[in-house]
Amino acid sequence: MTIPEDSVEADKGPVMVTIQYRIAKENVDEFLSLINKMGVIRKRNGAYFWQVFHDANDHHLFSEMYMSESWLEVLRQRQRTTATELNIRDQIWALHSGANPPSISIQIAGKA
């Protein structure tokens, strides 16, 4: 999912990013090991919340969710991507099954 960088005001936030993965039963242990490494990276890069969720009804569906303070912070996180992070991401995505890549949702808090 690509959002034009200038389509959102830089100070808008917080921002919640959710990535959904479909993981075969035989790959769950490897996925969880890798996704937890990704969680450490996300927090190091500025996410103030990170968690992986397992769907109660669809046992192959996992959601990685993290939150950042602002849209600008999300953009900075993208710019700070390291080779190690890309390697782990590629390993995680290789475990994803299905015709389409993992689903990514980026939600920006609005005023209540």
N, C-alpha and C. Protein backbone atom coordinates (compact mmCIF):
# COMPACT_ATOMS: atom_id res chain seq x y z
N MET A 1 0.85 -1.17 0.00
CA MET A 1 0.00 0.00 0.00
C MET A 1 0.90 1.24 0.00
N THR A 2 0.64 2.13 -0.92
CA THR A 2 1.43 3.35 -1.00
C THR A 2 0.52 4.55 -0.82
N ILE A 3 0.88 5.38 0.14
CA ILE A 3 0.18 6.63 0.37
C ILE A 3 1.14 7.74 -0.01
N PRO A 4 0.74 8.66 -0.88
CA PRO A 4 1.64 9.77 -1.21
C PRO A 4 2.06 10.50 0.06
N GLU A 5 3.36 10.71 0.22
CA GLU A 5 3.88 11.29 1.45
C GLU A 5 3.26 12.63 1.80
N ASP A 6 2.91 13.41 0.79
CA ASP A 6 2.36 14.75 1.05
C ASP A 6 0.84 14.76 1.14
N SER A 7 0.20 13.59 1.15
CA SER A 7 -1.26 13.54 1.20
C SER A 7 -1.81 13.71 2.61
N VAL A 8 -0.94 13.65 3.61
CA VAL A 8 -1.35 13.77 5.01
C VAL A 8 -0.45 14.81 5.67
N GLU A 9 -1.05 15.65 6.51
CA GLU A 9 -0.25 16.63 7.24
C GLU A 9 0.73 15.90 8.15
N ALA A 10 1.97 16.37 8.18
CA ALA A 10 3.06 15.69 8.89
C ALA A 10 2.77 15.46 10.37
N ASP A 11 2.06 16.39 11.01
CA ASP A 11 1.85 16.27 12.47
C ASP A 11 0.60 15.47 12.83
N LYS A 12 -0.13 14.94 11.84
CA LYS A 12 -1.33 14.17 12.13
C LYS A 12 -0.96 12.85 12.81
N GLY A 13 -1.75 12.48 13.78
CA GLY A 13 -1.49 11.22 14.45
C GLY A 13 -2.30 11.11 15.72
N PRO A 14 -2.15 10.06 16.44
CA PRO A 14 -1.24 8.97 16.16
C PRO A 14 -1.66 8.16 14.93
N VAL A 15 -0.72 7.32 14.47
CA VAL A 15 -0.93 6.51 13.28
C VAL A 15 -0.84 5.04 13.68
N MET A 16 -1.81 4.25 13.22
CA MET A 16 -1.82 2.82 13.47
C MET A 16 -1.60 2.09 12.15
N VAL A 17 -0.59 1.24 12.13
CA VAL A 17 -0.29 0.43 10.96
C VAL A 17 -0.61 -1.02 11.30
N THR A 18 -1.38 -1.67 10.44
CA THR A 18 -1.73 -3.08 10.63
C THR A 18 -1.35 -3.84 9.37
N ILE A 19 -0.62 -4.94 9.56
CA ILE A 19 -0.23 -5.80 8.44
C ILE A 19 -0.77 -7.19 8.74
N GLN A 20 -1.55 -7.73 7.81
CA GLN A 20 -2.14 -9.05 8.02
C GLN A 20 -1.42 -10.09 7.17
N TYR A 21 -1.07 -11.18 7.82
CA TYR A 21 -0.34 -12.28 7.19
C TYR A 21 -1.17 -13.55 7.29
N ARG A 22 -1.13 -14.35 6.25
CA ARG A 22 -1.75 -15.67 6.26
C ARG A 22 -0.60 -16.68 6.34
N ILE A 23 -0.55 -17.44 7.43
CA ILE A 23 0.58 -18.32 7.71
C ILE A 23 0.10 -19.77 7.85
N ALA A 24 0.74 -20.66 7.10
CA ALA A 24 0.41 -22.08 7.19
C ALA A 24 0.85 -22.62 8.55
N LYS A 25 0.14 -23.62 9.04
CA LYS A 25 0.38 -24.18 10.37
C LYS A 25 1.84 -24.58 10.58
N GLU A 26 2.46 -25.18 9.57
CA GLU A 26 3.84 -25.63 9.70
C GLU A 26 4.86 -24.49 9.76
N ASN A 27 4.43 -23.27 9.45
CA ASN A 27 5.34 -22.11 9.47
C ASN A 27 5.12 -21.17 10.65
N VAL A 28 4.17 -21.49 11.52
CA VAL A 28 3.80 -20.57 12.60
C VAL A 28 4.98 -20.30 13.54
N ASP A 29 5.71 -21.32 13.96
CA ASP A 29 6.82 -21.10 14.90
C ASP A 29 7.88 -20.19 14.30
N GLU A 30 8.24 -20.43 13.05
CA GLU A 30 9.24 -19.59 12.38
C GLU A 30 8.72 -18.17 12.22
N PHE A 31 7.44 -18.04 11.83
CA PHE A 31 6.83 -16.73 11.69
C PHE A 31 6.89 -15.95 13.00
N LEU A 32 6.48 -16.60 14.10
CA LEU A 32 6.46 -15.90 15.40
C LEU A 32 7.85 -15.48 15.83
N SER A 33 8.85 -16.30 15.56
CA SER A 33 10.23 -15.92 15.88
C SER A 33 10.65 -14.68 15.09
N LEU A 34 10.36 -14.68 13.80
CA LEU A 34 10.73 -13.55 12.95
C LEU A 34 9.93 -12.30 13.26
N ILE A 35 8.62 -12.45 13.49
CA ILE A 35 7.78 -11.28 13.73
C ILE A 35 8.16 -10.61 15.05
N ASN A 36 8.59 -11.40 16.03
CA ASN A 36 9.05 -10.80 17.29
C ASN A 36 10.35 -10.02 17.09
N LYS A 37 11.22 -10.48 16.21
CA LYS A 37 12.42 -9.72 15.86
C LYS A 37 12.01 -8.40 15.20
N MET A 38 10.98 -8.46 14.35
CA MET A 38 10.49 -7.25 13.69
C MET A 38 9.91 -6.28 14.71
N GLY A 39 9.26 -6.81 15.74
CA GLY A 39 8.72 -5.95 16.80
C GLY A 39 9.80 -5.15 17.50
N VAL A 40 10.93 -5.79 17.76
CA VAL A 40 12.07 -5.09 18.38
C VAL A 40 12.53 -3.96 17.46
N ILE A 41 12.60 -4.24 16.17
CA ILE A 41 13.02 -3.22 15.20
C ILE A 41 12.01 -2.08 15.14
N ARG A 42 10.73 -2.41 15.10
CA ARG A 42 9.69 -1.36 15.03
C ARG A 42 9.80 -0.43 16.24
N LYS A 43 9.98 -1.00 17.42
CA LYS A 43 10.09 -0.16 18.64
C LYS A 43 11.38 0.66 18.60
N ARG A 44 12.45 0.06 18.16
CA ARG A 44 13.72 0.79 18.05
C ARG A 44 13.58 1.98 17.10
N ASN A 45 12.76 1.79 16.06
CA ASN A 45 12.57 2.85 15.06
C ASN A 45 11.53 3.88 15.46
N GLY A 46 10.92 3.74 16.64
CA GLY A 46 10.03 4.80 17.12
C GLY A 46 8.60 4.42 17.38
N ALA A 47 8.19 3.19 17.09
CA ALA A 47 6.82 2.79 17.41
C ALA A 47 6.68 2.74 18.93
N TYR A 48 5.62 3.33 19.46
CA TYR A 48 5.44 3.31 20.91
C TYR A 48 4.57 2.14 21.36
N PHE A 49 3.97 1.44 20.39
CA PHE A 49 3.20 0.24 20.70
C PHE A 49 3.41 -0.73 19.55
N TRP A 50 3.59 -2.00 19.89
CA TRP A 50 3.70 -3.05 18.88
C TRP A 50 3.13 -4.33 19.46
N GLN A 51 2.38 -5.07 18.64
CA GLN A 51 1.84 -6.36 19.09
C GLN A 51 1.48 -7.19 17.87
N VAL A 52 1.54 -8.51 18.03
CA VAL A 52 1.05 -9.42 16.99
C VAL A 52 -0.18 -10.12 17.56
N PHE A 53 -1.21 -10.25 16.72
CA PHE A 53 -2.47 -10.85 17.12
C PHE A 53 -2.75 -12.07 16.25
N HIS A 54 -3.40 -13.05 16.84
CA HIS A 54 -3.81 -14.26 16.14
C HIS A 54 -5.33 -14.26 16.07
N ASP A 55 -5.89 -14.41 14.90
CA ASP A 55 -7.34 -14.37 14.73
C ASP A 55 -7.99 -15.58 15.42
N ALA A 56 -9.01 -15.34 16.21
CA ALA A 56 -9.68 -16.41 16.96
C ALA A 56 -10.47 -17.35 16.06
N ASN A 57 -10.93 -16.89 14.92
CA ASN A 57 -11.74 -17.73 14.03
C ASN A 57 -10.94 -18.32 12.88
N ASP A 58 -9.97 -17.57 12.37
CA ASP A 58 -9.16 -18.02 11.24
C ASP A 58 -7.74 -18.24 11.76
N HIS A 59 -7.40 -19.48 12.05
CA HIS A 59 -6.14 -19.79 12.71
C HIS A 59 -4.90 -19.60 11.84
N HIS A 60 -5.10 -19.22 10.59
CA HIS A 60 -3.97 -18.94 9.71
C HIS A 60 -3.71 -17.43 9.59
N LEU A 61 -4.56 -16.62 10.19
CA LEU A 61 -4.48 -15.17 10.03
C LEU A 61 -3.84 -14.52 11.26
N PHE A 62 -2.76 -13.78 11.02
CA PHE A 62 -2.05 -13.05 12.06
C PHE A 62 -2.01 -11.58 11.66
N SER A 63 -2.14 -10.70 12.64
CA SER A 63 -2.06 -9.26 12.39
C SER A 63 -0.95 -8.66 13.22
N GLU A 64 -0.04 -7.97 12.57
CA GLU A 64 0.99 -7.19 13.25
C GLU A 64 0.46 -5.77 13.32
N MET A 65 0.47 -5.18 14.51
CA MET A 65 -0.05 -3.83 14.66
C MET A 65 0.95 -3.00 15.45
N TYR A 66 1.25 -1.81 14.93
CA TYR A 66 2.10 -0.90 15.69
C TYR A 66 1.59 0.52 15.53
N MET A 67 1.95 1.34 16.52
CA MET A 67 1.49 2.73 16.52
C MET A 67 2.68 3.68 16.65
N SER A 68 2.56 4.79 15.94
CA SER A 68 3.57 5.84 15.97
C SER A 68 2.88 7.16 16.26
N GLU A 69 3.63 8.10 16.75
CA GLU A 69 3.08 9.39 17.18
C GLU A 69 2.46 10.21 16.06
N SER A 70 3.05 10.14 14.84
CA SER A 70 2.57 11.02 13.77
C SER A 70 2.89 10.42 12.41
N TRP A 71 2.28 11.00 11.39
CA TRP A 71 2.55 10.60 10.01
C TRP A 71 4.02 10.85 9.68
N LEU A 72 4.57 11.96 10.16
CA LEU A 72 5.99 12.24 9.93
C LEU A 72 6.87 11.14 10.52
N GLU A 73 6.52 10.64 11.69
CA GLU A 73 7.29 9.57 12.32
C GLU A 73 7.22 8.29 11.47
N VAL A 74 6.07 7.99 10.89
CA VAL A 74 5.95 6.82 10.01
C VAL A 74 6.87 7.00 8.80
N LEU A 75 6.88 8.18 8.23
CA LEU A 75 7.76 8.44 7.09
C LEU A 75 9.22 8.30 7.48
N ARG A 76 9.59 8.79 8.66
CA ARG A 76 10.97 8.64 9.14
C ARG A 76 11.33 7.17 9.34
N GLN A 77 10.39 6.39 9.86
CA GLN A 77 10.64 4.96 10.05
C GLN A 77 10.95 4.29 8.71
N ARG A 78 10.23 4.67 7.68
CA ARG A 78 10.49 4.11 6.35
C ARG A 78 11.88 4.48 5.86
N GLN A 79 12.32 5.71 6.16
CA GLN A 79 13.63 6.17 5.71
C GLN A 79 14.77 5.49 6.46
N ARG A 80 14.50 5.01 7.69
CA ARG A 80 15.53 4.39 8.51
C ARG A 80 15.62 2.88 8.31
N THR A 81 14.99 2.36 7.30
CA THR A 81 15.00 0.92 7.05
C THR A 81 16.43 0.44 6.80
N THR A 82 16.81 -0.61 7.54
CA THR A 82 18.17 -1.17 7.41
C THR A 82 18.12 -2.45 6.59
N ALA A 83 19.30 -2.92 6.18
CA ALA A 83 19.40 -4.18 5.44
C ALA A 83 18.89 -5.34 6.30
N THR A 84 19.17 -5.30 7.60
CA THR A 84 18.70 -6.35 8.51
C THR A 84 17.18 -6.36 8.55
N GLU A 85 16.57 -5.18 8.65
CA GLU A 85 15.11 -5.09 8.67
C GLU A 85 14.52 -5.63 7.38
N LEU A 86 15.09 -5.26 6.25
CA LEU A 86 14.59 -5.74 4.97
C LEU A 86 14.70 -7.26 4.87
N ASN A 87 15.80 -7.80 5.37
CA ASN A 87 16.01 -9.25 5.35
C ASN A 87 14.93 -9.96 6.17
N ILE A 88 14.67 -9.47 7.38
CA ILE A 88 13.64 -10.08 8.23
C ILE A 88 12.27 -9.93 7.58
N ARG A 89 11.99 -8.74 7.06
CA ARG A 89 10.70 -8.53 6.39
C ARG A 89 10.52 -9.50 5.23
N ASP A 90 11.57 -9.67 4.43
CA ASP A 90 11.48 -10.59 3.29
C ASP A 90 11.24 -12.03 3.74
N GLN A 91 11.88 -12.43 4.84
CA GLN A 91 11.66 -13.78 5.37
C GLN A 91 10.22 -13.96 5.86
N ILE A 92 9.71 -12.93 6.52
CA ILE A 92 8.31 -12.98 6.99
C ILE A 92 7.36 -13.06 5.81
N TRP A 93 7.57 -12.20 4.82
CA TRP A 93 6.68 -12.18 3.66
C TRP A 93 6.76 -13.49 2.88
N ALA A 94 7.92 -14.16 2.89
CA ALA A 94 8.05 -15.45 2.20
C ALA A 94 7.19 -16.52 2.87
N LEU A 95 6.90 -16.37 4.15
CA LEU A 95 6.06 -17.32 4.87
C LEU A 95 4.57 -17.07 4.62
N HIS A 96 4.23 -15.89 4.13
CA HIS A 96 2.83 -15.54 3.85
C HIS A 96 2.33 -16.38 2.68
N SER A 97 1.15 -16.99 2.86
CA SER A 97 0.57 -17.77 1.78
C SER A 97 -0.61 -17.00 1.19
N GLY A 98 -0.88 -17.26 -0.05
CA GLY A 98 -1.98 -16.57 -0.71
C GLY A 98 -1.50 -15.91 -1.99
N ALA A 99 -2.46 -15.60 -2.84
CA ALA A 99 -2.14 -15.01 -4.14
C ALA A 99 -1.68 -13.56 -4.02
N ASN A 100 -2.13 -12.86 -2.99
CA ASN A 100 -1.79 -11.44 -2.81
C ASN A 100 -0.79 -11.28 -1.68
N PRO A 101 -0.02 -10.20 -1.70
CA PRO A 101 0.91 -9.95 -0.59
C PRO A 101 0.14 -9.63 0.70
N PRO A 102 0.83 -9.59 1.83
CA PRO A 102 0.15 -9.22 3.08
C PRO A 102 -0.62 -7.91 2.93
N SER A 103 -1.76 -7.85 3.58
CA SER A 103 -2.61 -6.66 3.55
C SER A 103 -2.08 -5.62 4.53
N ILE A 104 -1.95 -4.38 4.10
CA ILE A 104 -1.44 -3.31 4.96
C ILE A 104 -2.50 -2.22 5.06
N SER A 105 -2.80 -1.83 6.30
CA SER A 105 -3.75 -0.76 6.57
C SER A 105 -3.05 0.32 7.40
N ILE A 106 -3.15 1.55 6.97
CA ILE A 106 -2.58 2.68 7.71
C ILE A 106 -3.73 3.59 8.09
N GLN A 107 -3.94 3.75 9.40
CA GLN A 107 -5.05 4.56 9.89
C GLN A 107 -4.51 5.71 10.73
N ILE A 108 -5.03 6.89 10.48
CA ILE A 108 -4.59 8.09 11.16
C ILE A 108 -5.73 8.60 12.04
N ALA A 109 -5.45 8.83 13.31
CA ALA A 109 -6.49 9.26 14.24
C ALA A 109 -7.07 10.59 13.80
N GLY A 110 -8.36 10.68 13.93
CA GLY A 110 -9.06 11.92 13.66
C GLY A 110 -9.50 12.54 14.97
N LYS A 111 -9.97 13.73 14.90
CA LYS A 111 -10.46 14.40 16.11
C LYS A 111 -11.81 13.83 16.48
N ALA A 112 -11.99 13.58 17.76
CA ALA A 112 -13.25 13.01 18.24
C ALA A 112 -14.27 14.11 18.45
